[in-house]
Each structure stands twice: as C-alpha cells, then as structure tokens.
Amino acid sequence: MPSTEEKATPMEVVSDKKVDKKKKEAGDELSEEDKALKEGLELAVLRLAESTSETEVGVLKLALDHLAKEIKSATSSMTSVPKPLKFLRPHYDTLKNIYNR
C-alpha cells in the first residue's frame, strides 16, 4: 500500500547576514539610467559648491533648475523614497551650507 505522506524536502537555512549581503550587492548595482541620474545630480551639487562669484549666476541657476526638475519629476507618486532624494542624501550638508551662504 503506497504512503499518502509526501516526502519532506530539506530546506536551506539562510542566515540574516547572507540576506543582508545579497541585498547590499543588489543595491550597489545601478542601472544605466540610475547611474546617469546620480552623476547628473552630483554634477549639479558640485557646480553649486564651486560657484562663488556673482558672474556664475547662470551656472547656479541651471544647477538649481536641474535639481528641482529631477526632484519634482520623481515625486509624482509617493510609494517609496524618490531616487533623486536617495542620491542626494550624502550631499545634504553641502546643500545646507550652500543655502546658508
């Protein structure tokens, strides 16, 4: 008479460290679009930080317009943290200092 019980398959136990490592590796790999967005935002922050003279008002305006456009376009749906804000997080203190000048 055949058994009606199913055979138990062994399960692989994955530690939290392995899961965290896999998430970190997946997070480090950015798509080409994300890389371009990150580089554009960092370039805008760099231009804002380096521009100090009154003659570079046009450069400052373009950099600020770029930042504003990227943030506004990414915040149309608030289901998660927008990528521009994630990419600008390391530059928060720099932007705060530029604002207070």
PDB file of N, CA and C in Angstrom:
ATOM      1  N   MET A   1       0.844  -1.172   0.000  1.00  0.00           N
ATOM      2  CA  MET A   1       0.000   0.000   0.000  1.00  0.00           C
ATOM      3  C   MET A   1       0.891   1.237   0.000  1.00  0.00           C
ATOM      4  N   PRO A   2       0.703   2.162  -0.981  1.00  0.00           N
ATOM      5  CA  PRO A   2       1.539   3.355  -1.044  1.00  0.00           C
ATOM      6  C   PRO A   2       1.208   4.335   0.075  1.00  0.00           C
ATOM      7  N   SER A   3       2.222   5.038   0.469  1.00  0.00           N
ATOM      8  CA  SER A   3       2.084   6.015   1.536  1.00  0.00           C
ATOM      9  C   SER A   3       1.468   7.299   0.990  1.00  0.00           C
ATOM     10  N   THR A   4       0.586   7.920   1.734  1.00  0.00           N
ATOM     11  CA  THR A   4      -0.045   9.172   1.316  1.00  0.00           C
ATOM     12  C   THR A   4       0.732  10.377   1.799  1.00  0.00           C
ATOM     13  N   GLU A   5       1.742  10.115   2.586  1.00  0.00           N
ATOM     14  CA  GLU A   5       2.560  11.207   3.087  1.00  0.00           C
ATOM     15  C   GLU A   5       3.558  11.647   2.018  1.00  0.00           C
ATOM     16  N   GLU A   6       3.754  12.960   1.920  1.00  0.00           N
ATOM     17  CA  GLU A   6       4.738  13.490   0.982  1.00  0.00           C
ATOM     18  C   GLU A   6       6.102  13.468   1.644  1.00  0.00           C
ATOM     19  N   LYS A   7       7.110  13.284   0.815  1.00  0.00           N
ATOM     20  CA  LYS A   7       8.462  13.291   1.347  1.00  0.00           C
ATOM     21  C   LYS A   7       8.867  14.717   1.672  1.00  0.00           C
ATOM     22  N   ALA A   8       9.471  14.896   2.783  1.00  0.00           N
ATOM     23  CA  ALA A   8       9.941  16.216   3.194  1.00  0.00           C
ATOM     24  C   ALA A   8      11.225  16.542   2.447  1.00  0.00           C
ATOM     25  N   THR A   9      11.251  17.719   1.867  1.00  0.00           N
ATOM     26  CA  THR A   9      12.468  18.145   1.185  1.00  0.00           C
ATOM     27  C   THR A   9      13.272  19.001   2.136  1.00  0.00           C
ATOM     28  N   PRO A  10      14.569  18.823   2.132  1.00  0.00           N
ATOM     29  CA  PRO A  10      15.385  19.628   3.057  1.00  0.00           C
ATOM     30  C   PRO A  10      15.350  21.099   2.646  1.00  0.00           C
ATOM     31  N   MET A  11      15.235  21.956   3.625  1.00  0.00           N
ATOM     32  CA  MET A  11      15.205  23.400   3.376  1.00  0.00           C
ATOM     33  C   MET A  11      16.556  23.987   3.704  1.00  0.00           C
ATOM     34  N   GLU A  12      16.958  24.927   2.895  1.00  0.00           N
ATOM     35  CA  GLU A  12      18.223  25.602   3.150  1.00  0.00           C
ATOM     36  C   GLU A  12      17.967  26.741   4.126  1.00  0.00           C
ATOM     37  N   VAL A  13      18.722  26.774   5.178  1.00  0.00           N
ATOM     38  CA  VAL A  13      18.602  27.829   6.168  1.00  0.00           C
ATOM     39  C   VAL A  13      19.566  28.939   5.773  1.00  0.00           C
ATOM     40  N   VAL A  14      19.013  30.133   5.581  1.00  0.00           N
ATOM     41  CA  VAL A  14      19.825  31.270   5.168  1.00  0.00           C
ATOM     42  C   VAL A  14      19.916  32.231   6.337  1.00  0.00           C
ATOM     43  N   SER A  15      21.117  32.551   6.699  1.00  0.00           N
ATOM     44  CA  SER A  15      21.293  33.466   7.826  1.00  0.00           C
ATOM     45  C   SER A  15      20.971  34.891   7.397  1.00  0.00           C
ATOM     46  N   ASP A  16      20.703  35.747   8.386  1.00  0.00           N
ATOM     47  CA  ASP A  16      20.405  37.151   8.116  1.00  0.00           C
ATOM     48  C   ASP A  16      21.580  37.844   7.444  1.00  0.00           C
ATOM     49  N   LYS A  17      22.792  37.438   7.772  1.00  0.00           N
ATOM     50  CA  LYS A  17      23.981  38.058   7.179  1.00  0.00           C
ATOM     51  C   LYS A  17      24.030  37.805   5.685  1.00  0.00           C
ATOM     52  N   LYS A  18      23.672  36.591   5.262  1.00  0.00           N
ATOM     53  CA  LYS A  18      23.664  36.281   3.838  1.00  0.00           C
ATOM     54  C   LYS A  18      22.604  37.104   3.113  1.00  0.00           C
ATOM     55  N   VAL A  19      21.442  37.248   3.722  1.00  0.00           N
ATOM     56  CA  VAL A  19      20.357  38.021   3.111  1.00  0.00           C
ATOM     57  C   VAL A  19      20.760  39.480   2.992  1.00  0.00           C
ATOM     58  N   ASP A  20      21.350  40.039   4.055  1.00  0.00           N
ATOM     59  CA  ASP A  20      21.789  41.432   4.030  1.00  0.00           C
ATOM     60  C   ASP A  20      22.864  41.648   2.971  1.00  0.00           C
ATOM     61  N   LYS A  21      23.774  40.680   2.844  1.00  0.00           N
ATOM     62  CA  LYS A  21      24.847  40.800   1.865  1.00  0.00           C
ATOM     63  C   LYS A  21      24.270  40.791   0.444  1.00  0.00           C
ATOM     64  N   LYS A  22      23.303  39.916   0.199  1.00  0.00           N
ATOM     65  CA  LYS A  22      22.679  39.857  -1.126  1.00  0.00           C
ATOM     66  C   LYS A  22      21.937  41.154  -1.435  1.00  0.00           C
ATOM     67  N   LYS A  23      21.245  41.708  -0.451  1.00  0.00           N
ATOM     68  CA  LYS A  23      20.537  42.974  -0.666  1.00  0.00           C
ATOM     69  C   LYS A  23      21.515  44.098  -0.954  1.00  0.00           C
ATOM     70  N   LYS A  24      22.638  44.105  -0.235  1.00  0.00           N
ATOM     71  CA  LYS A  24      23.638  45.148  -0.429  1.00  0.00           C
ATOM     72  C   LYS A  24      24.245  45.044  -1.822  1.00  0.00           C
ATOM     73  N   GLU A  25      24.546  43.830  -2.266  1.00  0.00           N
ATOM     74  CA  GLU A  25      25.101  43.630  -3.600  1.00  0.00           C
ATOM     75  C   GLU A  25      24.110  44.072  -4.670  1.00  0.00           C
ATOM     76  N   ALA A  26      22.851  43.762  -4.481  1.00  0.00           N
ATOM     77  CA  ALA A  26      21.831  44.157  -5.449  1.00  0.00           C
ATOM     78  C   ALA A  26      21.660  45.672  -5.453  1.00  0.00           C
ATOM     79  N   GLY A  27      21.813  46.305  -4.302  1.00  0.00           N
ATOM     80  CA  GLY A  27      21.670  47.751  -4.203  1.00  0.00           C
ATOM     81  C   GLY A  27      22.836  48.494  -4.817  1.00  0.00           C
ATOM     82  N   ASP A  28      24.010  47.870  -4.831  1.00  0.00           N
ATOM     83  CA  ASP A  28      25.190  48.522  -5.382  1.00  0.00           C
ATOM     84  C   ASP A  28      25.151  48.590  -6.906  1.00  0.00           C
ATOM     85  N   GLU A  29      24.445  47.676  -7.513  1.00  0.00           N
ATOM     86  CA  GLU A  29      24.375  47.632  -8.965  1.00  0.00           C
ATOM     87  C   GLU A  29      23.253  48.566  -9.439  1.00  0.00           C
ATOM     88  N   LEU A  30      23.634  49.653 -10.086  1.00  0.00           N
ATOM     89  CA  LEU A  30      22.667  50.613 -10.590  1.00  0.00           C
ATOM     90  C   LEU A  30      22.498  50.415 -12.080  1.00  0.00           C
ATOM     91  N   SER A  31      21.286  50.672 -12.550  1.00  0.00           N
ATOM     92  CA  SER A  31      21.058  50.607 -13.985  1.00  0.00           C
ATOM     93  C   SER A  31      21.728  51.810 -14.647  1.00  0.00           C
ATOM     94  N   GLU A  32      21.837  51.767 -15.951  1.00  0.00           N
ATOM     95  CA  GLU A  32      22.465  52.875 -16.682  1.00  0.00           C
ATOM     96  C   GLU A  32      21.692  54.175 -16.445  1.00  0.00           C
ATOM     97  N   GLU A  33      20.376  54.076 -16.404  1.00  0.00           N
ATOM     98  CA  GLU A  33      19.543  55.260 -16.170  1.00  0.00           C
ATOM     99  C   GLU A  33      19.791  55.841 -14.782  1.00  0.00           C
ATOM    100  N   ASP A  34      19.893  54.970 -13.780  1.00  0.00           N
ATOM    101  CA  ASP A  34      20.154  55.420 -12.416  1.00  0.00           C
ATOM    102  C   ASP A  34      21.547  56.034 -12.281  1.00  0.00           C
ATOM    103  N   LYS A  35      22.522  55.430 -12.964  1.00  0.00           N
ATOM    104  CA  LYS A  35      23.874  55.987 -12.936  1.00  0.00           C
ATOM    105  C   LYS A  35      23.899  57.379 -13.549  1.00  0.00           C
ATOM    106  N   ALA A  36      23.187  57.548 -14.665  1.00  0.00           N
ATOM    107  CA  ALA A  36      23.148  58.860 -15.314  1.00  0.00           C
ATOM    108  C   ALA A  36      22.464  59.883 -14.410  1.00  0.00           C
ATOM    109  N   LEU A  37      21.383  59.479 -13.756  1.00  0.00           N
ATOM    110  CA  LEU A  37      20.681  60.371 -12.840  1.00  0.00           C
ATOM    111  C   LEU A  37      21.585  60.772 -11.683  1.00  0.00           C
ATOM    112  N   LYS A  38      22.268  59.797 -11.093  1.00  0.00           N
ATOM    113  CA  LYS A  38      23.155  60.071  -9.960  1.00  0.00           C
ATOM    114  C   LYS A  38      24.294  61.004 -10.365  1.00  0.00           C
ATOM    115  N   GLU A  39      24.907  60.740 -11.525  1.00  0.00           N
ATOM    116  CA  GLU A  39      26.000  61.595 -11.988  1.00  0.00           C
ATOM    117  C   GLU A  39      25.522  63.014 -12.271  1.00  0.00           C
ATOM    118  N   GLY A  40      24.332  63.154 -12.856  1.00  0.00           N
ATOM    119  CA  GLY A  40      23.790  64.483 -13.123  1.00  0.00           C
ATOM    120  C   GLY A  40      23.521  65.267 -11.850  1.00  0.00           C
ATOM    121  N   LEU A  41      22.976  64.589 -10.854  1.00  0.00           N
ATOM    122  CA  LEU A  41      22.704  65.247  -9.573  1.00  0.00           C
ATOM    123  C   LEU A  41      24.000  65.635  -8.868  1.00  0.00           C
ATOM    124  N   GLU A  42      24.979  64.737  -8.889  1.00  0.00           N
ATOM    125  CA  GLU A  42      26.257  65.048  -8.242  1.00  0.00           C
ATOM    126  C   GLU A  42      26.978  66.188  -8.957  1.00  0.00           C
ATOM    127  N   LEU A  43      26.854  66.246 -10.268  1.00  0.00           N
ATOM    128  CA  LEU A  43      27.459  67.343 -11.022  1.00  0.00           C
ATOM    129  C   LEU A  43      26.791  68.674 -10.664  1.00  0.00           C
ATOM    130  N   ALA A  44      25.473  68.658 -10.512  1.00  0.00           N
ATOM    131  CA  ALA A  44      24.762  69.879 -10.135  1.00  0.00           C
ATOM    132  C   ALA A  44      25.203  70.348  -8.742  1.00  0.00           C
ATOM    133  N   VAL A  45      25.346  69.417  -7.808  1.00  0.00           N
ATOM    134  CA  VAL A  45      25.802  69.778  -6.457  1.00  0.00           C
ATOM    135  C   VAL A  45      27.221  70.321  -6.513  1.00  0.00           C
ATOM    136  N   LEU A  46      28.070  69.705  -7.320  1.00  0.00           N
ATOM    137  CA  LEU A  46      29.454  70.155  -7.465  1.00  0.00           C
ATOM    138  C   LEU A  46      29.508  71.573  -8.023  1.00  0.00           C
ATOM    139  N   ARG A  47      28.689  71.836  -9.020  1.00  0.00           N
ATOM    140  CA  ARG A  47      28.655  73.182  -9.600  1.00  0.00           C
ATOM    141  C   ARG A  47      28.165  74.207  -8.591  1.00  0.00           C
ATOM    142  N   LEU A  48      27.185  73.827  -7.790  1.00  0.00           N
ATOM    143  CA  LEU A  48      26.696  74.750  -6.757  1.00  0.00           C
ATOM    144  C   LEU A  48      27.775  75.010  -5.712  1.00  0.00           C
ATOM    145  N   ALA A  49      28.510  73.987  -5.337  1.00  0.00           N
ATOM    146  CA  ALA A  49      29.529  74.126  -4.298  1.00  0.00           C
ATOM    147  C   ALA A  49      30.715  74.950  -4.781  1.00  0.00           C
ATOM    148  N   GLU A  50      31.088  74.805  -6.053  1.00  0.00           N
ATOM    149  CA  GLU A  50      32.260  75.500  -6.570  1.00  0.00           C
ATOM    150  C   GLU A  50      31.966  76.928  -7.003  1.00  0.00           C
ATOM    151  N   SER A  51      30.726  77.231  -7.329  1.00  0.00           N
ATOM    152  CA  SER A  51      30.369  78.569  -7.812  1.00  0.00           C
ATOM    153  C   SER A  51      30.231  79.521  -6.640  1.00  0.00           C
ATOM    154  N   THR A  52      31.075  80.553  -6.643  1.00  0.00           N
ATOM    155  CA  THR A  52      31.010  81.525  -5.559  1.00  0.00           C
ATOM    156  C   THR A  52      30.896  82.950  -6.080  1.00  0.00           C
ATOM    157  N   SER A  53      31.315  83.192  -7.291  1.00  0.00           N
ATOM    158  CA  SER A  53      31.312  84.572  -7.772  1.00  0.00           C
ATOM    159  C   SER A  53      29.958  84.941  -8.375  1.00  0.00           C
ATOM    160  N   GLU A  54      29.725  86.212  -8.447  1.00  0.00           N
ATOM    161  CA  GLU A  54      28.462  86.728  -8.963  1.00  0.00           C
ATOM    162  C   GLU A  54      28.333  86.506 -10.471  1.00  0.00           C
ATOM    163  N   THR A  55      29.455  86.316 -11.160  1.00  0.00           N
ATOM    164  CA  THR A  55      29.406  86.143 -12.612  1.00  0.00           C
ATOM    165  C   THR A  55      28.892  84.770 -13.012  1.00  0.00           C
ATOM    166  N   GLU A  56      28.873  83.835 -12.087  1.00  0.00           N
ATOM    167  CA  GLU A  56      28.417  82.479 -12.390  1.00  0.00           C
ATOM    168  C   GLU A  56      26.956  82.263 -12.008  1.00  0.00           C
ATOM    169  N   VAL A  57      26.176  83.314 -12.031  1.00  0.00           N
ATOM    170  CA  VAL A  57      24.767  83.220 -11.662  1.00  0.00           C
ATOM    171  C   VAL A  57      24.027  82.280 -12.607  1.00  0.00           C
ATOM    172  N   GLY A  58      24.385  82.286 -13.876  1.00  0.00           N
ATOM    173  CA  GLY A  58      23.750  81.411 -14.852  1.00  0.00           C
ATOM    174  C   GLY A  58      24.007  79.942 -14.543  1.00  0.00           C
ATOM    175  N   VAL A  59      25.224  79.627 -14.142  1.00  0.00           N
ATOM    176  CA  VAL A  59      25.571  78.253 -13.789  1.00  0.00           C
ATOM    177  C   VAL A  59      24.788  77.821 -12.548  1.00  0.00           C
ATOM    178  N   LEU A  60      24.719  78.713 -11.571  1.00  0.00           N
ATOM    179  CA  LEU A  60      23.962  78.407 -10.352  1.00  0.00           C
ATOM    180  C   LEU A  60      22.495  78.154 -10.665  1.00  0.00           C
ATOM    181  N   LYS A  61      21.921  79.001 -11.500  1.00  0.00           N
ATOM    182  CA  LYS A  61      20.505  78.854 -11.847  1.00  0.00           C
ATOM    183  C   LYS A  61      20.253  77.536 -12.577  1.00  0.00           C
ATOM    184  N   LEU A  62      21.119  77.188 -13.520  1.00  0.00           N
ATOM    185  CA  LEU A  62      20.949  75.931 -14.249  1.00  0.00           C
ATOM    186  C   LEU A  62      21.060  74.719 -13.320  1.00  0.00           C
ATOM    187  N   ALA A  63      22.015  74.769 -12.391  1.00  0.00           N
ATOM    188  CA  ALA A  63      22.189  73.658 -11.456  1.00  0.00           C
ATOM    189  C   ALA A  63      20.971  73.524 -10.543  1.00  0.00           C
ATOM    190  N   LEU A  64      20.471  74.637 -10.041  1.00  0.00           N
ATOM    191  CA  LEU A  64      19.276  74.599  -9.188  1.00  0.00           C
ATOM    192  C   LEU A  64      18.051  74.134  -9.962  1.00  0.00           C
ATOM    193  N   ASP A  65      17.905  74.597 -11.194  1.00  0.00           N
ATOM    194  CA  ASP A  65      16.783  74.168 -12.026  1.00  0.00           C
ATOM    195  C   ASP A  65      16.831  72.668 -12.292  1.00  0.00           C
ATOM    196  N   HIS A  66      18.042  72.152 -12.528  1.00  0.00           N
ATOM    197  CA  HIS A  66      18.201  70.711 -12.770  1.00  0.00           C
ATOM    198  C   HIS A  66      17.784  69.911 -11.535  1.00  0.00           C
ATOM    199  N   LEU A  67      18.259  70.327 -10.359  1.00  0.00           N
ATOM    200  CA  LEU A  67      17.890  69.631  -9.125  1.00  0.00           C
ATOM    201  C   LEU A  67      16.378  69.669  -8.895  1.00  0.00           C
ATOM    202  N   ALA A  68      15.791  70.846  -9.080  1.00  0.00           N
ATOM    203  CA  ALA A  68      14.351  70.993  -8.862  1.00  0.00           C
ATOM    204  C   ALA A  68      13.557  70.125  -9.836  1.00  0.00           C
ATOM    205  N   LYS A  69      13.963  70.115 -11.094  1.00  0.00           N
ATOM    206  CA  LYS A  69      13.241  69.341 -12.109  1.00  0.00           C
ATOM    207  C   LYS A  69      13.300  67.844 -11.796  1.00  0.00           C
ATOM    208  N   GLU A  70      14.475  67.355 -11.441  1.00  0.00           N
ATOM    209  CA  GLU A  70      14.616  65.929 -11.146  1.00  0.00           C
ATOM    210  C   GLU A  70      13.807  65.523  -9.914  1.00  0.00           C
ATOM    211  N   ILE A  71      13.818  66.348  -8.886  1.00  0.00           N
ATOM    212  CA  ILE A  71      13.070  66.018  -7.665  1.00  0.00           C
ATOM    213  C   ILE A  71      11.576  66.074  -7.921  1.00  0.00           C
ATOM    214  N   LYS A  72      11.117  67.098  -8.624  1.00  0.00           N
ATOM    215  CA  LYS A  72       9.687  67.217  -8.911  1.00  0.00           C
ATOM    216  C   LYS A  72       9.182  66.091  -9.791  1.00  0.00           C
ATOM    217  N   SER A  73       9.954  65.699 -10.780  1.00  0.00           N
ATOM    218  CA  SER A  73       9.501  64.644 -11.680  1.00  0.00           C
ATOM    219  C   SER A  73       9.483  63.281 -10.992  1.00  0.00           C
ATOM    220  N   ALA A  74      10.308  63.088 -10.001  1.00  0.00           N
ATOM    221  CA  ALA A  74      10.386  61.796  -9.311  1.00  0.00           C
ATOM    222  C   ALA A  74       9.374  61.674  -8.185  1.00  0.00           C
ATOM    223  N   THR A  75       8.811  62.754  -7.728  1.00  0.00           N
ATOM    224  CA  THR A  75       7.893  62.701  -6.585  1.00  0.00           C
ATOM    225  C   THR A  75       6.439  62.704  -7.013  1.00  0.00           C
ATOM    226  N   SER A  76       6.155  62.277  -8.227  1.00  0.00           N
ATOM    227  CA  SER A  76       4.763  62.252  -8.671  1.00  0.00           C
ATOM    228  C   SER A  76       3.960  61.197  -7.924  1.00  0.00           C
ATOM    229  N   SER A  77       4.578  60.090  -7.556  1.00  0.00           N
ATOM    230  CA  SER A  77       3.910  59.099  -6.713  1.00  0.00           C
ATOM    231  C   SER A  77       4.786  58.851  -5.500  1.00  0.00           C
ATOM    232  N   MET A  78       4.199  58.879  -4.353  1.00  0.00           N
ATOM    233  CA  MET A  78       4.972  58.774  -3.109  1.00  0.00           C
ATOM    234  C   MET A  78       4.892  57.372  -2.513  1.00  0.00           C
ATOM    235  N   THR A  79       5.080  56.342  -3.325  1.00  0.00           N
ATOM    236  CA  THR A  79       5.053  54.980  -2.803  1.00  0.00           C
ATOM    237  C   THR A  79       6.371  54.601  -2.146  1.00  0.00           C
ATOM    238  N   SER A  80       7.460  55.244  -2.525  1.00  0.00           N
ATOM    239  CA  SER A  80       8.754  54.972  -1.923  1.00  0.00           C
ATOM    240  C   SER A  80       9.586  56.247  -1.970  1.00  0.00           C
ATOM    241  N   VAL A  81      10.771  56.190  -1.404  1.00  0.00           N
ATOM    242  CA  VAL A  81      11.644  57.358  -1.412  1.00  0.00           C
ATOM    243  C   VAL A  81      12.135  57.575  -2.844  1.00  0.00           C
ATOM    244  N   PRO A  82      11.926  58.763  -3.392  1.00  0.00           N
ATOM    245  CA  PRO A  82      12.359  59.029  -4.770  1.00  0.00           C
ATOM    246  C   PRO A  82      13.877  58.893  -4.916  1.00  0.00           C
ATOM    247  N   LYS A  83      14.302  58.369  -6.059  1.00  0.00           N
ATOM    248  CA  LYS A  83      15.731  58.138  -6.295  1.00  0.00           C
ATOM    249  C   LYS A  83      16.568  59.409  -6.198  1.00  0.00           C
ATOM    250  N   PRO A  84      16.099  60.560  -6.727  1.00  0.00           N
ATOM    251  CA  PRO A  84      16.938  61.753  -6.577  1.00  0.00           C
ATOM    252  C   PRO A  84      17.227  62.089  -5.111  1.00  0.00           C
ATOM    253  N   LEU A  85      16.258  61.883  -4.253  1.00  0.00           N
ATOM    254  CA  LEU A  85      16.491  62.162  -2.834  1.00  0.00           C
ATOM    255  C   LEU A  85      17.452  61.148  -2.225  1.00  0.00           C
ATOM    256  N   LYS A  86      17.377  59.881  -2.661  1.00  0.00           N
ATOM    257  CA  LYS A  86      18.329  58.880  -2.187  1.00  0.00           C
ATOM    258  C   LYS A  86      19.753  59.251  -2.609  1.00  0.00           C
ATOM    259  N   PHE A  87      19.882  59.687  -3.854  1.00  0.00           N
ATOM    260  CA  PHE A  87      21.212  60.005  -4.372  1.00  0.00           C
ATOM    261  C   PHE A  87      21.758  61.302  -3.787  1.00  0.00           C
ATOM    262  N   LEU A  88      20.885  62.215  -3.358  1.00  0.00           N
ATOM    263  CA  LEU A  88      21.332  63.489  -2.795  1.00  0.00           C
ATOM    264  C   LEU A  88      21.593  63.411  -1.294  1.00  0.00           C
ATOM    265  N   ARG A  89      21.228  62.325  -0.662  1.00  0.00           N
ATOM    266  CA  ARG A  89      21.390  62.212   0.784  1.00  0.00           C
ATOM    267  C   ARG A  89      22.825  62.461   1.253  1.00  0.00           C
ATOM    268  N   PRO A  90      23.859  61.925   0.585  1.00  0.00           N
ATOM    269  CA  PRO A  90      25.229  62.214   1.051  1.00  0.00           C
ATOM    270  C   PRO A  90      25.622  63.685   0.898  1.00  0.00           C
ATOM    271  N   HIS A  91      24.896  64.434   0.088  1.00  0.00           N
ATOM    272  CA  HIS A  91      25.233  65.827  -0.184  1.00  0.00           C
ATOM    273  C   HIS A  91      24.366  66.807   0.613  1.00  0.00           C
ATOM    274  N   TYR A  92      23.601  66.290   1.571  1.00  0.00           N
ATOM    275  CA  TYR A  92      22.676  67.138   2.318  1.00  0.00           C
ATOM    276  C   TYR A  92      23.388  68.280   3.031  1.00  0.00           C
ATOM    277  N   ASP A  93      24.472  67.983   3.729  1.00  0.00           N
ATOM    278  CA  ASP A  93      25.201  69.039   4.457  1.00  0.00           C
ATOM    279  C   ASP A  93      25.766  70.087   3.496  1.00  0.00           C
ATOM    280  N   THR A  94      26.265  69.635   2.352  1.00  0.00           N
ATOM    281  CA  THR A  94      26.793  70.567   1.348  1.00  0.00           C
ATOM    282  C   THR A  94      25.692  71.498   0.860  1.00  0.00           C
ATOM    283  N   LEU A  95      24.539  70.931   0.546  1.00  0.00           N
ATOM    284  CA  LEU A  95      23.419  71.750   0.068  1.00  0.00           C
ATOM    285  C   LEU A  95      22.932  72.713   1.146  1.00  0.00           C
ATOM    286  N   LYS A  96      22.947  72.244   2.391  1.00  0.00           N
ATOM    287  CA  LYS A  96      22.531  73.104   3.504  1.00  0.00           C
ATOM    288  C   LYS A  96      23.488  74.279   3.659  1.00  0.00           C
ATOM    289  N   ASN A  97      24.791  74.037   3.531  1.00  0.00           N
ATOM    290  CA  ASN A  97      25.784  75.108   3.634  1.00  0.00           C
ATOM    291  C   ASN A  97      25.660  76.087   2.472  1.00  0.00           C
ATOM    292  N   ILE A  98      25.386  75.587   1.280  1.00  0.00           N
ATOM    293  CA  ILE A  98      25.199  76.470   0.122  1.00  0.00           C
ATOM    294  C   ILE A  98      23.980  77.355   0.327  1.00  0.00           C
ATOM    295  N   TYR A  99      22.920  76.789   0.865  1.00  0.00           N
ATOM    296  CA  TYR A  99      21.700  77.552   1.122  1.00  0.00           C
ATOM    297  C   TYR A  99      21.948  78.659   2.139  1.00  0.00           C
ATOM    298  N   ASN A 100      22.766  78.386   3.141  1.00  0.00           N
ATOM    299  CA  ASN A 100      23.012  79.363   4.205  1.00  0.00           C
ATOM    300  C   ASN A 100      24.029  80.436   3.832  1.00  0.00           C
ATOM    301  N   ARG A 101      24.645  80.353   2.650  1.00  0.00           N
ATOM    302  CA  ARG A 101      25.611  81.379   2.232  1.00  0.00           C
ATOM    303  C   ARG A 101      24.951  82.716   2.044  1.00  0.00           C
TER     304      ARG A 101
END
